[in-house]
C-alpha atoms as a PDB file:
ATOM      1  CA  UNK A   1      56.621 -41.836  -0.437  1.00  0.00           C
ATOM      2  CA  UNK A   2      59.695 -39.998  -1.685  1.00  0.00           C
ATOM      3  CA  UNK A   3      57.504 -37.521  -3.547  1.00  0.00           C
ATOM      4  CA  UNK A   4      55.537 -36.691  -0.386  1.00  0.00           C
ATOM      5  CA  UNK A   5      58.757 -36.222   1.572  1.00  0.00           C
ATOM      6  CA  UNK A   6      60.245 -34.070  -1.201  1.00  0.00           C
ATOM      7  CA  UNK A   7      57.182 -31.818  -1.218  1.00  0.00           C
ATOM      8  CA  UNK A   8      57.143 -31.590   2.576  1.00  0.00           C
ATOM      9  CA  UNK A   9      60.851 -30.698   2.754  1.00  0.00           C
ATOM     10  CA  UNK A  10      60.579 -28.190  -0.078  1.00  0.00           C
ATOM     11  CA  UNK A  11      62.824 -30.038  -2.532  1.00  0.00           C
ATOM     12  CA  UNK A  12      60.010 -29.786  -5.075  1.00  0.00           C
ATOM     13  CA  UNK A  13      56.994 -27.508  -4.985  1.00  0.00           C
ATOM     14  CA  UNK A  14      53.512 -28.959  -5.090  1.00  0.00           C
ATOM     15  CA  UNK A  15      52.824 -26.894  -8.221  1.00  0.00           C
ATOM     16  CA  UNK A  16      55.855 -28.304 -10.058  1.00  0.00           C
ATOM     17  CA  UNK A  17      54.829 -31.913  -9.483  1.00  0.00           C
ATOM     18  CA  UNK A  18      51.739 -31.866 -11.765  1.00  0.00           C
ATOM     19  CA  UNK A  19      53.804 -30.189 -14.507  1.00  0.00           C
ATOM     20  CA  UNK A  20      56.321 -33.008 -14.395  1.00  0.00           C
ATOM     21  CA  UNK A  21      53.582 -35.612 -14.418  1.00  0.00           C
ATOM     22  CA  UNK A  22      51.855 -33.940 -17.375  1.00  0.00           C
ATOM     23  CA  UNK A  23      55.004 -34.174 -19.441  1.00  0.00           C
ATOM     24  CA  UNK A  24      53.837 -37.681 -20.318  1.00  0.00           C
ATOM     25  CA  UNK A  25      57.275 -39.232 -20.289  1.00  0.00           C
ATOM     26  CA  UNK A  26      56.862 -42.765 -18.981  1.00  0.00           C
ATOM     27  CA  UNK A  27      60.642 -42.929 -18.630  1.00  0.00           C
ATOM     28  CA  UNK A  28      60.319 -40.402 -15.809  1.00  0.00           C
ATOM     29  CA  UNK A  29      60.674 -42.307 -12.519  1.00  0.00           C
ATOM     30  CA  UNK A  30      57.981 -40.210 -10.832  1.00  0.00           C
ATOM     31  CA  UNK A  31      55.480 -40.929 -13.609  1.00  0.00           C
ATOM     32  CA  UNK A  32      56.295 -44.617 -13.466  1.00  0.00           C
ATOM     33  CA  UNK A  33      55.917 -44.689  -9.679  1.00  0.00           C
ATOM     34  CA  UNK A  34      52.525 -42.972  -9.782  1.00  0.00           C
ATOM     35  CA  UNK A  35      51.361 -45.289 -12.569  1.00  0.00           C
ATOM     36  CA  UNK A  36      52.332 -48.326 -10.491  1.00  0.00           C
ATOM     37  CA  UNK A  37      50.649 -46.925  -7.374  1.00  0.00           C
ATOM     38  CA  UNK A  38      47.519 -46.392  -9.460  1.00  0.00           C
ATOM     39  CA  UNK A  39      47.642 -49.995 -10.613  1.00  0.00           C
ATOM     40  CA  UNK A  40      47.987 -51.211  -7.021  1.00  0.00           C
ATOM     41  CA  UNK A  41      45.026 -49.081  -5.905  1.00  0.00           C
ATOM     42  CA  UNK A  42      42.929 -50.337  -8.825  1.00  0.00           C
ATOM     43  CA  UNK A  43      43.827 -53.964  -8.019  1.00  0.00           C
ATOM     44  CA  UNK A  44      42.982 -53.530  -4.329  1.00  0.00           C
ATOM     45  CA  UNK A  45      39.626 -51.963  -5.231  1.00  0.00           C
ATOM     46  CA  UNK A  46      38.865 -54.767  -7.672  1.00  0.00           C
ATOM     47  CA  UNK A  47      39.715 -57.432  -5.084  1.00  0.00           C
ATOM     48  CA  UNK A  48      37.594 -55.629  -2.491  1.00  0.00           C
ATOM     49  CA  UNK A  49      34.701 -55.472  -4.949  1.00  0.00           C
ATOM     50  CA  UNK A  50      34.995 -59.168  -5.809  1.00  0.00           C
ATOM     51  CA  UNK A  51      35.165 -60.312  -2.191  1.00  0.00           C
ATOM     52  CA  UNK A  52      32.502 -58.019  -0.710  1.00  0.00           C
ATOM     53  CA  UNK A  53      28.946 -59.025  -1.662  1.00  0.00           C
ATOM     54  CA  UNK A  54      27.253 -56.016   0.041  1.00  0.00           C
ATOM     55  CA  UNK A  55      29.576 -53.662  -1.863  1.00  0.00           C
ATOM     56  CA  UNK A  56      28.658 -55.370  -5.138  1.00  0.00           C
ATOM     57  CA  UNK A  57      24.953 -54.951  -4.309  1.00  0.00           C
ATOM     58  CA  UNK A  58      25.450 -51.232  -3.559  1.00  0.00           C
ATOM     59  CA  UNK A  59      27.405 -50.697  -6.781  1.00  0.00           C
ATOM     60  CA  UNK A  60      24.778 -52.590  -8.775  1.00  0.00           C
ATOM     61  CA  UNK A  61      21.970 -50.565  -7.184  1.00  0.00           C
ATOM     62  CA  UNK A  62      23.749 -47.291  -7.978  1.00  0.00           C
ATOM     63  CA  UNK A  63      24.424 -48.424 -11.545  1.00  0.00           C
ATOM     64  CA  UNK A  64      20.770 -49.384 -11.974  1.00  0.00           C
ATOM     65  CA  UNK A  65      19.669 -45.935 -10.775  1.00  0.00           C
ATOM     66  CA  UNK A  66      21.967 -44.240 -13.271  1.00  0.00           C
ATOM     67  CA  UNK A  67      20.702 -46.474 -16.077  1.00  0.00           C
ATOM     68  CA  UNK A  68      17.098 -45.787 -15.047  1.00  0.00           C
ATOM     69  CA  UNK A  69      17.798 -42.040 -15.119  1.00  0.00           C
ATOM     70  CA  UNK A  70      19.340 -42.328 -18.584  1.00  0.00           C
ATOM     71  CA  UNK A  71      16.415 -44.399 -19.837  1.00  0.00           C
ATOM     72  CA  UNK A  72      13.902 -41.939 -18.402  1.00  0.00           C
ATOM     73  CA  UNK A  73      15.812 -39.020 -19.903  1.00  0.00           C
ATOM     74  CA  UNK A  74      15.813 -40.704 -23.295  1.00  0.00           C
ATOM     75  CA  UNK A  75      12.092 -41.482 -23.014  1.00  0.00           C
ATOM     76  CA  UNK A  76      11.402 -37.873 -22.053  1.00  0.00           C
ATOM     77  CA  UNK A  77      13.336 -36.529 -25.047  1.00  0.00           C
ATOM     78  CA  UNK A  78      11.105 -35.138 -27.739  1.00  0.00           C
ATOM     79  CA  UNK A  79      11.417 -33.718 -31.201  1.00  0.00           C
ATOM     80  CA  UNK A  80      12.886 -36.123 -33.741  1.00  0.00           C
ATOM     81  CA  UNK A  81      12.734 -38.839 -31.051  1.00  0.00           C
ATOM     82  CA  UNK A  82      15.595 -37.193 -29.195  1.00  0.00           C
ATOM     83  CA  UNK A  83      18.007 -37.481 -32.129  1.00  0.00           C
ATOM     84  CA  UNK A  84      20.216 -34.423 -32.526  1.00  0.00           C
ATOM     85  CA  UNK A  85      20.109 -33.758 -36.259  1.00  0.00           C
ATOM     86  CA  UNK A  86      22.232 -30.618 -36.485  1.00  0.00           C
ATOM     87  CA  UNK A  87      26.008 -30.464 -36.507  1.00  0.00           C
ATOM     88  CA  UNK A  88      26.302 -27.292 -34.431  1.00  0.00           C
ATOM     89  CA  UNK A  89      27.998 -28.294 -31.154  1.00  0.00           C
ATOM     90  CA  UNK A  90      26.489 -25.327 -29.307  1.00  0.00           C
ATOM     91  CA  UNK A  91      22.965 -26.330 -30.326  1.00  0.00           C
ATOM     92  CA  UNK A  92      23.666 -29.973 -29.476  1.00  0.00           C
ATOM     93  CA  UNK A  93      24.891 -28.998 -26.019  1.00  0.00           C
ATOM     94  CA  UNK A  94      21.839 -26.777 -25.493  1.00  0.00           C
ATOM     95  CA  UNK A  95      19.520 -29.639 -26.426  1.00  0.00           C
ATOM     96  CA  UNK A  96      21.302 -32.052 -24.080  1.00  0.00           C
ATOM     97  CA  UNK A  97      21.292 -29.536 -21.210  1.00  0.00           C
ATOM     98  CA  UNK A  98      17.613 -28.783 -21.769  1.00  0.00           C
ATOM     99  CA  UNK A  99      16.800 -32.493 -21.734  1.00  0.00           C
ATOM    100  CA  UNK A 100      18.761 -32.946 -18.477  1.00  0.00           C
ATOM    101  CA  UNK A 101      16.981 -29.932 -16.959  1.00  0.00           C
ATOM    102  CA  UNK A 102      13.583 -31.247 -18.023  1.00  0.00           C
ATOM    103  CA  UNK A 103      14.384 -34.718 -16.654  1.00  0.00           C
ATOM    104  CA  UNK A 104      15.488 -33.301 -13.305  1.00  0.00           C
ATOM    105  CA  UNK A 105      12.421 -31.049 -13.117  1.00  0.00           C
ATOM    106  CA  UNK A 106      10.071 -34.007 -13.666  1.00  0.00           C
ATOM    107  CA  UNK A 107      11.931 -36.093 -11.071  1.00  0.00           C
ATOM    108  CA  UNK A 108      11.805 -33.197  -8.589  1.00  0.00           C
ATOM    109  CA  UNK A 109       8.077 -32.734  -9.182  1.00  0.00           C
ATOM    110  CA  UNK A 110       7.478 -36.449  -8.621  1.00  0.00           C
ATOM    111  CA  UNK A 111       9.514 -36.317  -5.399  1.00  0.00           C
ATOM    112  CA  UNK A 112       7.358 -33.426  -4.154  1.00  0.00           C
ATOM    113  CA  UNK A 113       4.181 -35.347  -5.001  1.00  0.00           C
ATOM    114  CA  UNK A 114       5.446 -38.483  -3.239  1.00  0.00           C
ATOM    115  CA  UNK A 115       6.491 -36.466  -0.173  1.00  0.00           C
ATOM    116  CA  UNK A 116       3.020 -34.927   0.034  1.00  0.00           C
ATOM    117  CA  UNK A 117       1.387 -38.356  -0.193  1.00  0.00           C
ATOM    118  CA  UNK A 118       3.722 -39.735   2.492  1.00  0.00           C
ATOM    119  CA  UNK A 119       2.685 -36.829   4.755  1.00  0.00           C
ATOM    120  CA  UNK A 120      -1.025 -37.435   4.105  1.00  0.00           C
ATOM    121  CA  UNK A 121      -1.093 -41.210   4.623  1.00  0.00           C
ATOM    122  CA  UNK A 122      -0.519 -41.153   8.433  1.00  0.00           C
ATOM    123  CA  UNK A 123      -3.288 -38.546   8.753  1.00  0.00           C
ATOM    124  CA  UNK A 124      -5.595 -41.043   7.044  1.00  0.00           C
ATOM    125  CA  UNK A 125      -4.602 -43.791   9.482  1.00  0.00           C
ATOM    126  CA  UNK A 126      -1.960 -45.610   7.460  1.00  0.00           C
ATOM    127  CA  UNK A 127       1.292 -46.669   9.115  1.00  0.00           C
ATOM    128  CA  UNK A 128       4.458 -46.271   7.101  1.00  0.00           C
ATOM    129  CA  UNK A 129       7.577 -48.199   8.028  1.00  0.00           C
ATOM    130  CA  UNK A 130      11.042 -46.762   7.268  1.00  0.00           C
ATOM    131  CA  UNK A 131      11.834 -49.885   5.228  1.00  0.00           C
ATOM    132  CA  UNK A 132       8.913 -49.064   2.953  1.00  0.00           C
ATOM    133  CA  UNK A 133      10.170 -45.524   2.408  1.00  0.00           C
ATOM    134  CA  UNK A 134      13.592 -46.858   1.460  1.00  0.00           C
ATOM    135  CA  UNK A 135      12.074 -48.344  -1.694  1.00  0.00           C
ATOM    136  CA  UNK A 136      10.881 -44.973  -2.967  1.00  0.00           C
ATOM    137  CA  UNK A 137      13.936 -42.988  -1.927  1.00  0.00           C
ATOM    138  CA  UNK A 138      16.010 -41.776  -4.857  1.00  0.00           C
END
């Protein structure tokens, strides 16, 4: 609170504050205060997560999607089974970026195909409920 008031009143500039925090001195009262505020925020979030079942389901669903993406990306990797053999960091980064680009391109293509099918099904007499579409939504 004092930091916000100090910045608002001009006692310290907003650009000076990060410099002081970067100094890394845990003896600095400002650093200590921000560390403690961070701990409080983390504890509140953890308690909210533990007590809120729908939040846990959403977090689990998001985590599963990320893991599925990573698994698909690894499956899609080719050449030496996706193992980066060279030690050149530039080449390693290029290979990883290319794999991410290829993964996203395949996912995008699949999304276009699914969207086309979803457009065609009602024309063929099928009814599609929004709940059904939720299962195929990325």
